[in-house]
């Protein structure tokens, strides 16, 4: 009789251990799932920051290129005006001379 009682008690203890192990395993699975979600969120945040940094860098380089092209264009326009102004004065003088002589 005592042996049967001990066997049942041991079976109950084994069942409790099994239930406790199942609960711990479920908790670990849940913790891993939550940690996985956190890691995904962190990776998404890092990806967004990298994109924002790339966009900011591209905008900065774009503005610098625009300024460089504006300066280059202004210099070319000035050179062209300087070249043409002398020729225009000479052409105007020739026209006046021509008109004066005829």
N, C-alpha and C. Protein backbone atom coordinates (compact mmCIF):
# COMPACT_ATOMS: atom_id res chain seq x y z
N UNK A 1 0.82 -1.19 0.00
CA UNK A 1 0.00 0.00 0.00
C UNK A 1 0.87 1.26 0.00
N UNK A 2 1.85 1.22 0.86
CA UNK A 2 2.76 2.36 0.96
C UNK A 2 3.53 2.53 -0.35
N UNK A 3 3.84 1.46 -0.98
CA UNK A 3 4.57 1.51 -2.24
C UNK A 3 3.71 2.14 -3.33
N UNK A 4 2.44 1.81 -3.35
CA UNK A 4 1.52 2.39 -4.34
C UNK A 4 1.40 3.89 -4.10
N UNK A 5 1.32 4.30 -2.85
CA UNK A 5 1.25 5.72 -2.49
C UNK A 5 2.49 6.45 -2.98
N UNK A 6 3.63 5.85 -2.76
CA UNK A 6 4.91 6.47 -3.19
C UNK A 6 4.97 6.56 -4.72
N UNK A 7 4.49 5.53 -5.39
CA UNK A 7 4.51 5.55 -6.86
C UNK A 7 3.61 6.66 -7.37
N UNK A 8 2.41 6.80 -6.79
CA UNK A 8 1.48 7.86 -7.21
C UNK A 8 2.08 9.23 -6.90
N UNK A 9 2.71 9.35 -5.75
CA UNK A 9 3.33 10.62 -5.38
C UNK A 9 4.45 10.95 -6.37
N UNK A 10 5.22 9.98 -6.74
CA UNK A 10 6.31 10.17 -7.70
C UNK A 10 5.76 10.53 -9.08
N UNK A 11 4.65 9.86 -9.45
CA UNK A 11 4.01 10.20 -10.73
C UNK A 11 3.51 11.63 -10.72
N UNK A 12 2.91 12.05 -9.59
CA UNK A 12 2.43 13.44 -9.47
C UNK A 12 3.59 14.43 -9.56
N UNK A 13 4.67 14.11 -8.89
CA UNK A 13 5.84 14.99 -8.95
C UNK A 13 6.40 15.05 -10.38
N UNK A 14 6.42 13.93 -11.04
CA UNK A 14 6.90 13.89 -12.43
C UNK A 14 5.99 14.73 -13.32
N UNK A 15 4.68 14.62 -13.10
CA UNK A 15 3.73 15.42 -13.88
C UNK A 15 3.94 16.91 -13.63
N UNK A 16 4.18 17.29 -12.37
CA UNK A 16 4.43 18.69 -12.03
C UNK A 16 5.72 19.18 -12.72
N UNK A 17 6.73 18.34 -12.72
CA UNK A 17 7.99 18.70 -13.38
C UNK A 17 7.77 18.89 -14.87
N UNK A 18 6.98 18.01 -15.47
CA UNK A 18 6.68 18.11 -16.90
C UNK A 18 5.92 19.40 -17.20
N UNK A 19 4.91 19.70 -16.37
CA UNK A 19 4.12 20.92 -16.57
C UNK A 19 4.98 22.16 -16.39
N UNK A 20 5.86 22.12 -15.39
CA UNK A 20 6.76 23.26 -15.15
C UNK A 20 7.71 23.45 -16.34
N UNK A 21 8.23 22.34 -16.87
CA UNK A 21 9.13 22.40 -18.02
C UNK A 21 8.40 22.95 -19.25
N UNK A 22 7.15 22.53 -19.44
CA UNK A 22 6.36 23.05 -20.55
C UNK A 22 6.15 24.55 -20.41
N UNK A 23 5.82 24.99 -19.20
CA UNK A 23 5.59 26.42 -18.96
C UNK A 23 6.87 27.21 -19.20
N UNK A 24 8.00 26.69 -18.73
CA UNK A 24 9.28 27.37 -18.94
C UNK A 24 9.63 27.43 -20.43
N UNK A 25 9.37 26.35 -21.14
CA UNK A 25 9.64 26.32 -22.58
C UNK A 25 8.76 27.33 -23.30
N UNK A 26 7.49 27.39 -22.93
CA UNK A 26 6.58 28.37 -23.54
C UNK A 26 7.05 29.79 -23.25
N UNK A 27 7.51 30.02 -22.03
CA UNK A 27 8.00 31.36 -21.66
C UNK A 27 9.24 31.72 -22.47
N UNK A 28 10.14 30.75 -22.63
CA UNK A 28 11.35 31.00 -23.43
C UNK A 28 11.00 31.30 -24.88
N UNK A 29 10.04 30.56 -25.40
CA UNK A 29 9.61 30.80 -26.78
C UNK A 29 9.05 32.21 -26.92
N UNK A 30 8.23 32.61 -25.96
CA UNK A 30 7.64 33.96 -25.99
C UNK A 30 8.73 35.02 -25.87
N UNK A 31 9.70 34.80 -24.97
CA UNK A 31 10.80 35.75 -24.81
C UNK A 31 11.61 35.86 -26.11
N UNK A 32 11.87 34.73 -26.75
CA UNK A 32 12.60 34.74 -28.01
C UNK A 32 11.82 35.49 -29.09
N UNK A 33 10.51 35.29 -29.10
CA UNK A 33 9.67 35.98 -30.08
C UNK A 33 9.73 37.49 -29.86
N UNK A 34 9.61 37.90 -28.60
CA UNK A 34 9.66 39.34 -28.28
C UNK A 34 11.03 39.90 -28.63
N UNK A 35 12.09 39.17 -28.29
CA UNK A 35 13.44 39.64 -28.62
C UNK A 35 13.64 39.73 -30.12
N UNK A 36 13.07 38.77 -30.84
CA UNK A 36 13.16 38.81 -32.31
C UNK A 36 12.46 40.03 -32.87
N UNK A 37 11.31 40.36 -32.30
CA UNK A 37 10.59 41.56 -32.75
C UNK A 37 11.40 42.82 -32.44
N UNK A 38 12.03 42.85 -31.27
CA UNK A 38 12.86 44.01 -30.91
C UNK A 38 14.03 44.15 -31.88
N UNK A 39 14.66 43.01 -32.20
CA UNK A 39 15.79 43.05 -33.13
C UNK A 39 15.35 43.52 -34.51
N UNK A 40 14.18 43.06 -34.95
CA UNK A 40 13.66 43.52 -36.24
C UNK A 40 13.39 45.02 -36.21
N UNK A 41 12.80 45.50 -35.13
CA UNK A 41 12.51 46.93 -35.01
C UNK A 41 13.80 47.74 -35.01
N UNK A 42 14.81 47.26 -34.30
CA UNK A 42 16.10 47.96 -34.28
C UNK A 42 16.74 47.96 -35.66
N UNK A 43 16.67 46.85 -36.36
CA UNK A 43 17.23 46.77 -37.71
C UNK A 43 16.50 47.73 -38.64
N UNK A 44 15.19 47.80 -38.51
CA UNK A 44 14.40 48.73 -39.34
C UNK A 44 14.79 50.18 -39.03
N UNK A 45 14.99 50.48 -37.76
CA UNK A 45 15.39 51.83 -37.37
C UNK A 45 16.76 52.17 -37.95
N UNK A 46 17.69 51.22 -37.89
CA UNK A 46 19.03 51.45 -38.45
C UNK A 46 18.95 51.63 -39.97
N UNK A 47 18.09 50.86 -40.61
CA UNK A 47 17.92 50.99 -42.06
C UNK A 47 17.39 52.37 -42.41
N UNK A 48 16.40 52.85 -41.65
CA UNK A 48 15.84 54.18 -41.90
C UNK A 48 16.89 55.27 -41.70
N UNK A 49 17.70 55.12 -40.65
CA UNK A 49 18.75 56.11 -40.39
C UNK A 49 19.77 56.11 -41.52
N UNK A 50 20.12 54.93 -42.01
CA UNK A 50 21.08 54.85 -43.12
C UNK A 50 20.51 55.50 -44.37
N UNK A 51 19.23 55.29 -44.64
CA UNK A 51 18.59 55.90 -45.80
C UNK A 51 18.56 57.42 -45.64
N UNK A 52 18.19 57.89 -44.45
CA UNK A 52 18.14 59.34 -44.21
C UNK A 52 19.52 59.96 -44.38
N UNK A 53 20.54 59.28 -43.88
CA UNK A 53 21.91 59.79 -44.01
C UNK A 53 22.32 59.83 -45.48
N UNK A 54 21.96 58.81 -46.23
CA UNK A 54 22.30 58.78 -47.66
C UNK A 54 21.58 59.89 -48.42
N UNK A 55 20.32 60.11 -48.09
CA UNK A 55 19.55 61.17 -48.74
C UNK A 55 20.15 62.53 -48.40
N UNK A 56 20.48 62.75 -47.13
CA UNK A 56 21.07 64.02 -46.73
C UNK A 56 22.40 64.25 -47.44
N UNK A 57 23.20 63.20 -47.54
CA UNK A 57 24.49 63.31 -48.23
C UNK A 57 24.29 63.64 -49.71
N UNK A 58 23.34 62.96 -50.33
CA UNK A 58 23.06 63.21 -51.75
C UNK A 58 22.56 64.63 -51.96
N UNK A 59 21.71 65.12 -51.05
CA UNK A 59 21.21 66.49 -51.17
C UNK A 59 22.36 67.49 -51.03
N UNK A 60 23.22 67.24 -50.08
CA UNK A 60 24.37 68.13 -49.87
C UNK A 60 25.27 68.15 -51.10
N UNK A 61 25.57 66.98 -51.62
CA UNK A 61 26.41 66.91 -52.83
C UNK A 61 25.70 67.56 -54.02
N UNK A 62 24.39 67.38 -54.10
CA UNK A 62 23.63 68.00 -55.18
C UNK A 62 23.68 69.51 -55.11
N UNK A 63 23.51 70.07 -53.90
CA UNK A 63 23.58 71.53 -53.74
C UNK A 63 24.96 72.05 -54.09
N UNK A 64 26.00 71.32 -53.67
CA UNK A 64 27.37 71.74 -53.99
C UNK A 64 27.59 71.72 -55.50
N UNK A 65 27.07 70.71 -56.17
CA UNK A 65 27.20 70.61 -57.63
C UNK A 65 26.45 71.75 -58.32
N UNK A 66 25.27 72.09 -57.81
CA UNK A 66 24.50 73.20 -58.37
C UNK A 66 25.29 74.50 -58.24
N UNK A 67 25.87 74.73 -57.08
CA UNK A 67 26.66 75.95 -56.87
C UNK A 67 27.87 75.98 -57.80
N UNK A 68 28.53 74.84 -57.95
CA UNK A 68 29.69 74.77 -58.83
C UNK A 68 29.28 75.08 -60.28
N UNK A 69 28.16 74.51 -60.70
CA UNK A 69 27.69 74.75 -62.07
C UNK A 69 27.25 76.20 -62.27
N UNK A 70 26.64 76.80 -61.25
CA UNK A 70 26.25 78.21 -61.34
C UNK A 70 27.48 79.10 -61.52
N UNK A 71 28.50 78.82 -60.72
CA UNK A 71 29.73 79.61 -60.80
C UNK A 71 30.39 79.42 -62.16
N UNK A 72 30.45 78.19 -62.63
CA UNK A 72 31.04 77.91 -63.93
C UNK A 72 30.25 78.62 -65.03
N UNK A 73 28.95 78.57 -64.95
CA UNK A 73 28.09 79.22 -65.95
C UNK A 73 28.29 80.73 -65.93
N UNK A 74 28.35 81.30 -64.75
CA UNK A 74 28.55 82.76 -64.63
C UNK A 74 29.91 83.15 -65.23
N UNK A 75 30.94 82.36 -64.96
CA UNK A 75 32.27 82.65 -65.52
C UNK A 75 32.26 82.56 -67.05
N UNK A 76 31.60 81.54 -67.58
CA UNK A 76 31.53 81.39 -69.03
C UNK A 76 30.74 82.54 -69.66
N UNK A 77 29.65 82.94 -69.00
CA UNK A 77 28.85 84.05 -69.51
C UNK A 77 29.67 85.34 -69.52
N UNK A 78 30.42 85.57 -68.47
CA UNK A 78 31.26 86.77 -68.37
C UNK A 78 32.34 86.76 -69.46
N UNK A 79 32.98 85.60 -69.67
CA UNK A 79 34.00 85.50 -70.71
C UNK A 79 33.40 85.77 -72.09
N UNK A 80 32.26 85.21 -72.34
CA UNK A 80 31.60 85.40 -73.63
C UNK A 80 31.24 86.88 -73.83
N UNK A 81 30.70 87.50 -72.78
CA UNK A 81 30.34 88.92 -72.89
C UNK A 81 31.58 89.77 -73.15
N UNK A 82 32.68 89.46 -72.47
CA UNK A 82 33.92 90.21 -72.69
C UNK A 82 34.40 90.04 -74.12
N UNK A 83 34.34 88.82 -74.67
CA UNK A 83 34.77 88.58 -76.04
C UNK A 83 33.87 89.33 -77.03
N UNK A 84 32.58 89.25 -76.80
CA UNK A 84 31.62 89.82 -77.74
C UNK A 84 31.59 91.35 -77.66
N UNK A 85 31.81 91.91 -76.48
CA UNK A 85 31.69 93.37 -76.36
C UNK A 85 32.71 94.09 -77.24
N UNK A 86 33.92 93.58 -77.32
CA UNK A 86 34.93 94.18 -78.19
C UNK A 86 34.55 94.06 -79.66
N UNK A 87 34.05 92.91 -80.02
CA UNK A 87 33.64 92.70 -81.41
C UNK A 87 32.41 93.55 -81.74
N UNK A 88 31.51 93.70 -80.78
CA UNK A 88 30.31 94.51 -81.04
C UNK A 88 30.68 95.98 -81.23
N UNK A 89 31.63 96.46 -80.45
CA UNK A 89 32.05 97.85 -80.59
C UNK A 89 32.69 98.06 -81.97
N UNK A 90 33.54 97.14 -82.39
CA UNK A 90 34.18 97.24 -83.70
C UNK A 90 33.14 97.16 -84.81
N UNK A 91 32.16 96.28 -84.69
CA UNK A 91 31.12 96.15 -85.71
C UNK A 91 30.26 97.40 -85.75
N UNK A 92 29.95 97.95 -84.60
CA UNK A 92 29.15 99.18 -84.56
C UNK A 92 29.91 100.33 -85.21
N UNK A 93 31.19 100.38 -84.97
CA UNK A 93 32.01 101.43 -85.57
C UNK A 93 32.05 101.29 -87.09
N UNK A 94 32.17 100.06 -87.58
CA UNK A 94 32.16 99.82 -89.02
C UNK A 94 30.83 100.23 -89.63
N UNK A 95 29.74 99.93 -88.94
CA UNK A 95 28.41 100.29 -89.45
C UNK A 95 28.30 101.81 -89.52
N UNK A 96 28.71 102.50 -88.46
CA UNK A 96 28.65 103.97 -88.46
C UNK A 96 29.52 104.54 -89.55
N UNK A 97 30.72 104.02 -89.74
CA UNK A 97 31.60 104.49 -90.80
C UNK A 97 30.95 104.26 -92.17
N UNK A 98 30.36 103.10 -92.33
CA UNK A 98 29.71 102.77 -93.59
C UNK A 98 28.56 103.71 -93.86
N UNK A 99 27.75 103.93 -92.84
CA UNK A 99 26.59 104.82 -93.01
C UNK A 99 27.04 106.28 -93.24
N UNK A 100 28.11 106.66 -92.62
CA UNK A 100 28.61 108.01 -92.76
C UNK A 100 29.18 108.25 -94.15
N UNK A 101 29.79 107.24 -94.71
CA UNK A 101 30.42 107.40 -96.01
C UNK A 101 29.40 107.27 -97.16
N UNK A 102 28.23 106.82 -96.93
CA UNK A 102 27.26 106.63 -98.02
C UNK A 102 26.14 107.57 -97.92
